[in-house]
Amino acid sequence: MENLRENFLNVYANLPLGLRDDIILVIDNESLTWNVAYLEVKANTDLSSKILKELKELNLI
């Protein structure tokens, strides 16, 4: 899981600022942007593991 977290942080750091407000996932009927995903991953919440797994399946990280 730590490797996924590192991959996410690297991808996020290289995203253009204009793309960070784009919706990337919908989990439990909640739309998540790159910024929201970043906050969840940074805080290492329970939701962050779902986010990382979904982003990995979508080949975004």
PDB file of N, CA and C in Angstrom:
ATOM      1  N   MET A   1       0.820  -1.198   0.000  1.00  0.00           N
ATOM      2  CA  MET A   1       0.000   0.000   0.000  1.00  0.00           C
ATOM      3  C   MET A   1       0.864   1.261   0.000  1.00  0.00           C
ATOM      4  N   GLU A   2       1.999   1.190   0.682  1.00  0.00           N
ATOM      5  CA  GLU A   2       2.890   2.352   0.733  1.00  0.00           C
ATOM      6  C   GLU A   2       3.411   2.712  -0.657  1.00  0.00           C
ATOM      7  N   ASN A   3       3.649   1.697  -1.470  1.00  0.00           N
ATOM      8  CA  ASN A   3       4.117   1.944  -2.834  1.00  0.00           C
ATOM      9  C   ASN A   3       3.047   2.680  -3.644  1.00  0.00           C
ATOM     10  N   LEU A   4       1.788   2.296  -3.480  1.00  0.00           N
ATOM     11  CA  LEU A   4       0.691   2.991  -4.166  1.00  0.00           C
ATOM     12  C   LEU A   4       0.610   4.439  -3.706  1.00  0.00           C
ATOM     13  N   ARG A   5       0.796   4.641  -2.417  1.00  0.00           N
ATOM     14  CA  ARG A   5       0.755   5.996  -1.862  1.00  0.00           C
ATOM     15  C   ARG A   5       1.865   6.861  -2.469  1.00  0.00           C
ATOM     16  N   GLU A   6       3.057   6.313  -2.549  1.00  0.00           N
ATOM     17  CA  GLU A   6       4.174   7.041  -3.154  1.00  0.00           C
ATOM     18  C   GLU A   6       3.903   7.343  -4.617  1.00  0.00           C
ATOM     19  N   ASN A   7       3.373   6.365  -5.347  1.00  0.00           N
ATOM     20  CA  ASN A   7       3.046   6.575  -6.760  1.00  0.00           C
ATOM     21  C   ASN A   7       2.018   7.686  -6.914  1.00  0.00           C
ATOM     22  N   PHE A   8       1.002   7.672  -6.065  1.00  0.00           N
ATOM     23  CA  PHE A   8      -0.017   8.716  -6.125  1.00  0.00           C
ATOM     24  C   PHE A   8       0.602  10.090  -5.892  1.00  0.00           C
ATOM     25  N   LEU A   9       1.409  10.213  -4.858  1.00  0.00           N
ATOM     26  CA  LEU A   9       2.014  11.507  -4.532  1.00  0.00           C
ATOM     27  C   LEU A   9       2.909  12.006  -5.658  1.00  0.00           C
ATOM     28  N   ASN A  10       3.617  11.108  -6.338  1.00  0.00           N
ATOM     29  CA  ASN A  10       4.445  11.499  -7.478  1.00  0.00           C
ATOM     30  C   ASN A  10       3.593  11.989  -8.648  1.00  0.00           C
ATOM     31  N   VAL A  11       2.519  11.252  -8.937  1.00  0.00           N
ATOM     32  CA  VAL A  11       1.627  11.655 -10.025  1.00  0.00           C
ATOM     33  C   VAL A  11       0.993  12.997  -9.697  1.00  0.00           C
ATOM     34  N   TYR A  12       0.502  13.147  -8.479  1.00  0.00           N
ATOM     35  CA  TYR A  12      -0.149  14.392  -8.064  1.00  0.00           C
ATOM     36  C   TYR A  12       0.812  15.581  -8.176  1.00  0.00           C
ATOM     37  N   ALA A  13       2.044  15.385  -7.754  1.00  0.00           N
ATOM     38  CA  ALA A  13       3.034  16.470  -7.797  1.00  0.00           C
ATOM     39  C   ALA A  13       3.310  16.929  -9.223  1.00  0.00           C
ATOM     40  N   ASN A  14       3.160  16.031 -10.189  1.00  0.00           N
ATOM     41  CA  ASN A  14       3.434  16.381 -11.582  1.00  0.00           C
ATOM     42  C   ASN A  14       2.205  16.813 -12.364  1.00  0.00           C
ATOM     43  N   LEU A  15       1.040  16.833 -11.728  1.00  0.00           N
ATOM     44  CA  LEU A  15      -0.178  17.262 -12.410  1.00  0.00           C
ATOM     45  C   LEU A  15      -0.177  18.776 -12.601  1.00  0.00           C
ATOM     46  N   PRO A  16      -0.622  19.241 -13.751  1.00  0.00           N
ATOM     47  CA  PRO A  16      -0.820  20.685 -13.898  1.00  0.00           C
ATOM     48  C   PRO A  16      -1.884  21.158 -12.906  1.00  0.00           C
ATOM     49  N   LEU A  17      -1.712  22.346 -12.383  1.00  0.00           N
ATOM     50  CA  LEU A  17      -2.628  22.862 -11.371  1.00  0.00           C
ATOM     51  C   LEU A  17      -4.079  22.868 -11.850  1.00  0.00           C
ATOM     52  N   GLY A  18      -4.310  23.121 -13.121  1.00  0.00           N
ATOM     53  CA  GLY A  18      -5.662  23.177 -13.662  1.00  0.00           C
ATOM     54  C   GLY A  18      -6.386  21.843 -13.651  1.00  0.00           C
ATOM     55  N   LEU A  19      -5.643  20.744 -13.616  1.00  0.00           N
ATOM     56  CA  LEU A  19      -6.271  19.420 -13.620  1.00  0.00           C
ATOM     57  C   LEU A  19      -6.611  18.913 -12.226  1.00  0.00           C
ATOM     58  N   ARG A  20      -6.085  19.538 -11.221  1.00  0.00           N
ATOM     59  CA  ARG A  20      -6.279  19.036  -9.857  1.00  0.00           C
ATOM     60  C   ARG A  20      -7.713  19.182  -9.361  1.00  0.00           C
ATOM     61  N   ASP A  21      -8.512  20.009 -10.016  1.00  0.00           N
ATOM     62  CA  ASP A  21      -9.917  20.159  -9.636  1.00  0.00           C
ATOM     63  C   ASP A  21     -10.833  19.257 -10.447  1.00  0.00           C
ATOM     64  N   ASP A  22     -10.270  18.443 -11.345  1.00  0.00           N
ATOM     65  CA  ASP A  22     -11.062  17.527 -12.157  1.00  0.00           C
ATOM     66  C   ASP A  22     -11.460  16.298 -11.346  1.00  0.00           C
ATOM     67  N   ILE A  23     -12.666  15.807 -11.591  1.00  0.00           N
ATOM     68  CA  ILE A  23     -13.152  14.597 -10.929  1.00  0.00           C
ATOM     69  C   ILE A  23     -12.435  13.389 -11.523  1.00  0.00           C
ATOM     70  N   ILE A  24     -11.923  12.534 -10.654  1.00  0.00           N
ATOM     71  CA  ILE A  24     -11.204  11.344 -11.122  1.00  0.00           C
ATOM     72  C   ILE A  24     -11.877  10.050 -10.706  1.00  0.00           C
ATOM     73  N   LEU A  25     -12.661  10.089  -9.637  1.00  0.00           N
ATOM     74  CA  LEU A  25     -13.306   8.880  -9.125  1.00  0.00           C
ATOM     75  C   LEU A  25     -14.667   9.204  -8.539  1.00  0.00           C
ATOM     76  N   VAL A  26     -15.516   8.196  -8.522  1.00  0.00           N
ATOM     77  CA  VAL A  26     -16.757   8.270  -7.762  1.00  0.00           C
ATOM     78  C   VAL A  26     -16.762   7.046  -6.848  1.00  0.00           C
ATOM     79  N   ILE A  27     -16.744   7.308  -5.555  1.00  0.00           N
ATOM     80  CA  ILE A  27     -16.755   6.236  -4.555  1.00  0.00           C
ATOM     81  C   ILE A  27     -17.928   6.497  -3.620  1.00  0.00           C
ATOM     82  N   ASP A  28     -18.779   5.507  -3.471  1.00  0.00           N
ATOM     83  CA  ASP A  28     -19.961   5.620  -2.611  1.00  0.00           C
ATOM     84  C   ASP A  28     -20.809   6.837  -2.990  1.00  0.00           C
ATOM     85  N   ASN A  29     -21.008   7.024  -4.286  1.00  0.00           N
ATOM     86  CA  ASN A  29     -21.791   8.140  -4.837  1.00  0.00           C
ATOM     87  C   ASN A  29     -21.220   9.511  -4.501  1.00  0.00           C
ATOM     88  N   GLU A  30     -19.953   9.577  -4.171  1.00  0.00           N
ATOM     89  CA  GLU A  30     -19.255  10.837  -3.906  1.00  0.00           C
ATOM     90  C   GLU A  30     -18.217  11.056  -4.991  1.00  0.00           C
ATOM     91  N   SER A  31     -18.262  12.209  -5.631  1.00  0.00           N
ATOM     92  CA  SER A  31     -17.268  12.556  -6.645  1.00  0.00           C
ATOM     93  C   SER A  31     -16.005  13.053  -5.959  1.00  0.00           C
ATOM     94  N   LEU A  32     -14.873  12.528  -6.401  1.00  0.00           N
ATOM     95  CA  LEU A  32     -13.591  12.909  -5.813  1.00  0.00           C
ATOM     96  C   LEU A  32     -12.695  13.531  -6.870  1.00  0.00           C
ATOM     97  N   THR A  33     -12.131  14.674  -6.539  1.00  0.00           N
ATOM     98  CA  THR A  33     -11.157  15.319  -7.413  1.00  0.00           C
ATOM     99  C   THR A  33      -9.762  14.888  -6.985  1.00  0.00           C
ATOM    100  N   TRP A  34      -8.781  15.261  -7.799  1.00  0.00           N
ATOM    101  CA  TRP A  34      -7.396  14.992  -7.417  1.00  0.00           C
ATOM    102  C   TRP A  34      -7.090  15.634  -6.063  1.00  0.00           C
ATOM    103  N   ASN A  35      -7.587  16.866  -5.846  1.00  0.00           N
ATOM    104  CA  ASN A  35      -7.306  17.562  -4.579  1.00  0.00           C
ATOM    105  C   ASN A  35      -7.891  16.832  -3.381  1.00  0.00           C
ATOM    106  N   VAL A  36      -9.122  16.355  -3.510  1.00  0.00           N
ATOM    107  CA  VAL A  36      -9.750  15.621  -2.415  1.00  0.00           C
ATOM    108  C   VAL A  36      -8.996  14.314  -2.173  1.00  0.00           C
ATOM    109  N   ALA A  37      -8.643  13.633  -3.250  1.00  0.00           N
ATOM    110  CA  ALA A  37      -7.886  12.386  -3.119  1.00  0.00           C
ATOM    111  C   ALA A  37      -6.554  12.653  -2.424  1.00  0.00           C
ATOM    112  N   TYR A  38      -5.904  13.744  -2.780  1.00  0.00           N
ATOM    113  CA  TYR A  38      -4.633  14.097  -2.149  1.00  0.00           C
ATOM    114  C   TYR A  38      -4.798  14.280  -0.643  1.00  0.00           C
ATOM    115  N   LEU A  39      -5.822  15.013  -0.237  1.00  0.00           N
ATOM    116  CA  LEU A  39      -6.048  15.244   1.186  1.00  0.00           C
ATOM    117  C   LEU A  39      -6.300  13.938   1.934  1.00  0.00           C
ATOM    118  N   GLU A  40      -7.068  13.048   1.324  1.00  0.00           N
ATOM    119  CA  GLU A  40      -7.353  11.753   1.954  1.00  0.00           C
ATOM    120  C   GLU A  40      -6.081  10.896   2.058  1.00  0.00           C
ATOM    121  N   VAL A  41      -5.314  10.848   0.975  1.00  0.00           N
ATOM    122  CA  VAL A  41      -4.087  10.040   0.970  1.00  0.00           C
ATOM    123  C   VAL A  41      -3.064  10.633   1.935  1.00  0.00           C
ATOM    124  N   LYS A  42      -2.936  11.931   1.931  1.00  0.00           N
ATOM    125  CA  LYS A  42      -1.978  12.595   2.823  1.00  0.00           C
ATOM    126  C   LYS A  42      -2.311  12.308   4.288  1.00  0.00           C
ATOM    127  N   ALA A  43      -3.607  12.296   4.628  1.00  0.00           N
ATOM    128  CA  ALA A  43      -4.038  12.038   5.996  1.00  0.00           C
ATOM    129  C   ALA A  43      -4.104  10.544   6.312  1.00  0.00           C
ATOM    130  N   ASN A  44      -3.899   9.712   5.288  1.00  0.00           N
ATOM    131  CA  ASN A  44      -3.903   8.258   5.448  1.00  0.00           C
ATOM    132  C   ASN A  44      -5.205   7.749   6.079  1.00  0.00           C
ATOM    133  N   THR A  45      -6.330   8.226   5.544  1.00  0.00           N
ATOM    134  CA  THR A  45      -7.645   7.842   6.054  1.00  0.00           C
ATOM    135  C   THR A  45      -8.046   6.468   5.530  1.00  0.00           C
ATOM    136  N   ASP A  46      -9.151   5.951   6.061  1.00  0.00           N
ATOM    137  CA  ASP A  46      -9.682   4.677   5.572  1.00  0.00           C
ATOM    138  C   ASP A  46     -10.074   4.785   4.102  1.00  0.00           C
ATOM    139  N   LEU A  47     -10.613   5.931   3.714  1.00  0.00           N
ATOM    140  CA  LEU A  47     -11.013   6.150   2.329  1.00  0.00           C
ATOM    141  C   LEU A  47      -9.813   6.145   1.387  1.00  0.00           C
ATOM    142  N   SER A  48      -8.656   6.518   1.888  1.00  0.00           N
ATOM    143  CA  SER A  48      -7.470   6.592   1.025  1.00  0.00           C
ATOM    144  C   SER A  48      -7.110   5.239   0.426  1.00  0.00           C
ATOM    145  N   SER A  49      -7.320   4.159   1.164  1.00  0.00           N
ATOM    146  CA  SER A  49      -7.004   2.838   0.605  1.00  0.00           C
ATOM    147  C   SER A  49      -7.924   2.498  -0.559  1.00  0.00           C
ATOM    148  N   LYS A  50      -9.199   2.868  -0.462  1.00  0.00           N
ATOM    149  CA  LYS A  50     -10.133   2.669  -1.579  1.00  0.00           C
ATOM    150  C   LYS A  50      -9.704   3.496  -2.782  1.00  0.00           C
ATOM    151  N   ILE A  51      -9.329   4.737  -2.527  1.00  0.00           N
ATOM    152  CA  ILE A  51      -8.911   5.643  -3.590  1.00  0.00           C
ATOM    153  C   ILE A  51      -7.698   5.069  -4.312  1.00  0.00           C
ATOM    154  N   LEU A  52      -6.698   4.659  -3.561  1.00  0.00           N
ATOM    155  CA  LEU A  52      -5.473   4.136  -4.163  1.00  0.00           C
ATOM    156  C   LEU A  52      -5.734   2.877  -4.980  1.00  0.00           C
ATOM    157  N   LYS A  53      -6.566   1.983  -4.469  1.00  0.00           N
ATOM    158  CA  LYS A  53      -6.888   0.756  -5.201  1.00  0.00           C
ATOM    159  C   LYS A  53      -7.616   1.065  -6.508  1.00  0.00           C
ATOM    160  N   GLU A  54      -8.575   1.984  -6.461  1.00  0.00           N
ATOM    161  CA  GLU A  54      -9.320   2.351  -7.669  1.00  0.00           C
ATOM    162  C   GLU A  54      -8.418   3.036  -8.696  1.00  0.00           C
ATOM    163  N   LEU A  55      -7.557   3.921  -8.253  1.00  0.00           N
ATOM    164  CA  LEU A  55      -6.647   4.606  -9.166  1.00  0.00           C
ATOM    165  C   LEU A  55      -5.668   3.632  -9.797  1.00  0.00           C
ATOM    166  N   LYS A  56      -5.239   2.630  -9.042  1.00  0.00           N
ATOM    167  CA  LYS A  56      -4.357   1.595  -9.571  1.00  0.00           C
ATOM    168  C   LYS A  56      -5.086   0.784 -10.644  1.00  0.00           C
ATOM    169  N   GLU A  57      -6.346   0.406 -10.382  1.00  0.00           N
ATOM    170  CA  GLU A  57      -7.124  -0.352 -11.357  1.00  0.00           C
ATOM    171  C   GLU A  57      -7.348   0.433 -12.637  1.00  0.00           C
ATOM    172  N   LEU A  58      -7.448   1.758 -12.515  1.00  0.00           N
ATOM    173  CA  LEU A  58      -7.639   2.617 -13.683  1.00  0.00           C
ATOM    174  C   LEU A  58      -6.323   2.992 -14.354  1.00  0.00           C
ATOM    175  N   ASN A  59      -5.220   2.470 -13.830  1.00  0.00           N
ATOM    176  CA  ASN A  59      -3.869   2.763 -14.348  1.00  0.00           C
ATOM    177  C   ASN A  59      -3.541   4.252 -14.317  1.00  0.00           C
ATOM    178  N   LEU A  60      -4.063   4.946 -13.327  1.00  0.00           N
ATOM    179  CA  LEU A  60      -3.734   6.364 -13.159  1.00  0.00           C
ATOM    180  C   LEU A  60      -2.516   6.548 -12.256  1.00  0.00           C
ATOM    181  N   ILE A  61      -2.214   5.520 -11.473  1.00  0.00           N
ATOM    182  CA  ILE A  61      -1.003   5.567 -10.643  1.00  0.00           C
ATOM    183  C   ILE A  61      -0.256   4.258 -10.805  1.00  0.00           C
TER     184      ILE A  61
END
